[in-house]
C-alpha atoms as a PDB file:
ATOM      1  CA  MET A   1       2.563 -18.094   1.056  1.00  0.00           C
ATOM      2  CA  GLU A   2       0.978 -15.758  -0.018  1.00  0.00           C
ATOM      3  CA  LEU A   3       1.236 -12.349  -1.128  1.00  0.00           C
ATOM      4  CA  GLU A   4      -0.733  -9.653  -1.839  1.00  0.00           C
ATOM      5  CA  ARG A   5       0.171  -6.295  -4.073  1.00  0.00           C
ATOM      6  CA  VAL A   6      -1.376  -3.192  -1.503  1.00  0.00           C
ATOM      7  CA  ARG A   7      -0.287  -0.400  -3.612  1.00  0.00           C
ATOM      8  CA  PRO A   8       1.931  -0.798  -6.595  1.00  0.00           C
ATOM      9  CA  THR A   9       5.390  -0.709  -5.109  1.00  0.00           C
ATOM     10  CA  VAL A  10       3.704  -2.710  -2.114  1.00  0.00           C
ATOM     11  CA  LEU A  11       3.962  -5.568  -1.221  1.00  0.00           C
ATOM     12  CA  ARG A  12       1.835  -7.844   1.614  1.00  0.00           C
ATOM     13  CA  GLY A  13       3.606 -11.482   2.972  1.00  0.00           C
ATOM     14  CA  THR A  14       1.825 -13.953   4.679  1.00  0.00           C
ATOM     15  CA  PHE A  15       4.255 -17.101   5.842  1.00  0.00           C
ATOM     16  CA  HIS A  16       4.758 -19.383   7.522  1.00  0.00           C
ATOM     17  CA  ALA A  17       7.112 -19.725  10.128  1.00  0.00           C
ATOM     18  CA  TYR A  18       9.372 -21.637   8.303  1.00  0.00           C
ATOM     19  CA  GLU A  19       9.137 -20.268   4.811  1.00  0.00           C
ATOM     20  CA  LEU A  20      10.457 -16.701   6.350  1.00  0.00           C
ATOM     21  CA  ALA A  21      13.196 -19.244   7.810  1.00  0.00           C
ATOM     22  CA  ALA A  22      13.735 -20.402   4.982  1.00  0.00           C
ATOM     23  CA  LEU A  23      13.952 -17.299   2.593  1.00  0.00           C
ATOM     24  CA  ALA A  24      15.680 -15.807   5.419  1.00  0.00           C
ATOM     25  CA  ALA A  25      18.470 -18.357   6.129  1.00  0.00           C
ATOM     26  CA  ALA A  26      19.607 -18.349   2.393  1.00  0.00           C
ATOM     27  CA  ALA A  27      19.686 -14.206   1.649  1.00  0.00           C
ATOM     28  CA  ARG A  28      22.234 -15.435   5.139  1.00  0.00           C
ATOM     29  CA  TYR A  29      24.245 -17.542   3.284  1.00  0.00           C
ATOM     30  CA  VAL A  30      24.223 -15.465   0.458  1.00  0.00           C
ATOM     31  CA  THR A  31      25.599 -12.536   2.959  1.00  0.00           C
ATOM     32  CA  GLU A  32      27.925 -14.376   4.617  1.00  0.00           C
ATOM     33  CA  SER A  33      28.838 -16.351   0.599  1.00  0.00           C
ATOM     34  CA  GLU A  34      29.444 -12.600  -1.220  1.00  0.00           C
ATOM     35  CA  PRO A  35      29.216 -14.091  -4.442  1.00  0.00           C
ATOM     36  CA  PRO A  36      31.705 -11.953  -6.514  1.00  0.00           C
ATOM     37  CA  GLU A  37      28.834 -11.780  -9.569  1.00  0.00           C
ATOM     38  CA  LEU A  38      26.167 -10.404  -6.867  1.00  0.00           C
ATOM     39  CA  PRO A  39      26.712  -6.077  -7.022  1.00  0.00           C
ATOM     40  CA  ALA A  40      27.593  -4.798  -4.139  1.00  0.00           C
ATOM     41  CA  GLU A  41      24.671  -2.294  -4.040  1.00  0.00           C
ATOM     42  CA  ALA A  42      22.767  -5.839  -4.468  1.00  0.00           C
ATOM     43  CA  LEU A  43      24.464  -7.398  -1.596  1.00  0.00           C
ATOM     44  CA  ALA A  44      24.628  -4.314   0.985  1.00  0.00           C
ATOM     45  CA  GLN A  45      20.312  -4.105   0.196  1.00  0.00           C
ATOM     46  CA  LEU A  46      19.838  -7.844   1.127  1.00  0.00           C
ATOM     47  CA  ARG A  47      22.513  -6.610   4.329  1.00  0.00           C
ATOM     48  CA  GLN A  48      19.494  -4.346   5.382  1.00  0.00           C
ATOM     49  CA  VAL A  49      16.601  -6.505   5.367  1.00  0.00           C
ATOM     50  CA  LEU A  50      18.397  -9.372   7.155  1.00  0.00           C
ATOM     51  CA  GLU A  51      19.122  -6.586   9.949  1.00  0.00           C
ATOM     52  CA  GLU A  52      15.741  -5.317   9.725  1.00  0.00           C
ATOM     53  CA  TYR A  53      14.175  -9.033   9.602  1.00  0.00           C
ATOM     54  CA  ASP A  54      16.269  -9.489  13.142  1.00  0.00           C
ATOM     55  CA  ARG A  55      14.859  -6.330  14.339  1.00  0.00           C
ATOM     56  CA  GLN A  56      11.614  -7.386  13.964  1.00  0.00           C
ATOM     57  CA  VAL A  57      11.798 -11.229  15.226  1.00  0.00           C
ATOM     58  CA  ARG A  58      13.540  -9.345  18.526  1.00  0.00           C
ATOM     59  CA  ASP A  59      10.625  -7.234  18.764  1.00  0.00           C
ATOM     60  CA  LEU A  60       8.000 -10.504  18.522  1.00  0.00           C
ATOM     61  CA  SER A  61      10.275 -12.266  21.074  1.00  0.00           C
ATOM     62  CA  ALA A  62       9.522  -8.963  23.585  1.00  0.00           C
ATOM     63  CA  PRO A  63       6.780  -8.846  26.635  1.00  0.00           C
END
């Protein structure tokens, strides 16, 4: 994994497929288990990130 700061609040990441898959799997685990100590807003943001991840993965597969 490699991270690069593009702007103060923008990062660019380069990941091996398995690294990104591990992060996505961990995020899915959290969103599905909905731990009570996790604020609802954080859970909603994590779900939005996963939706965007899924859309991007679908777009990679499209001809």
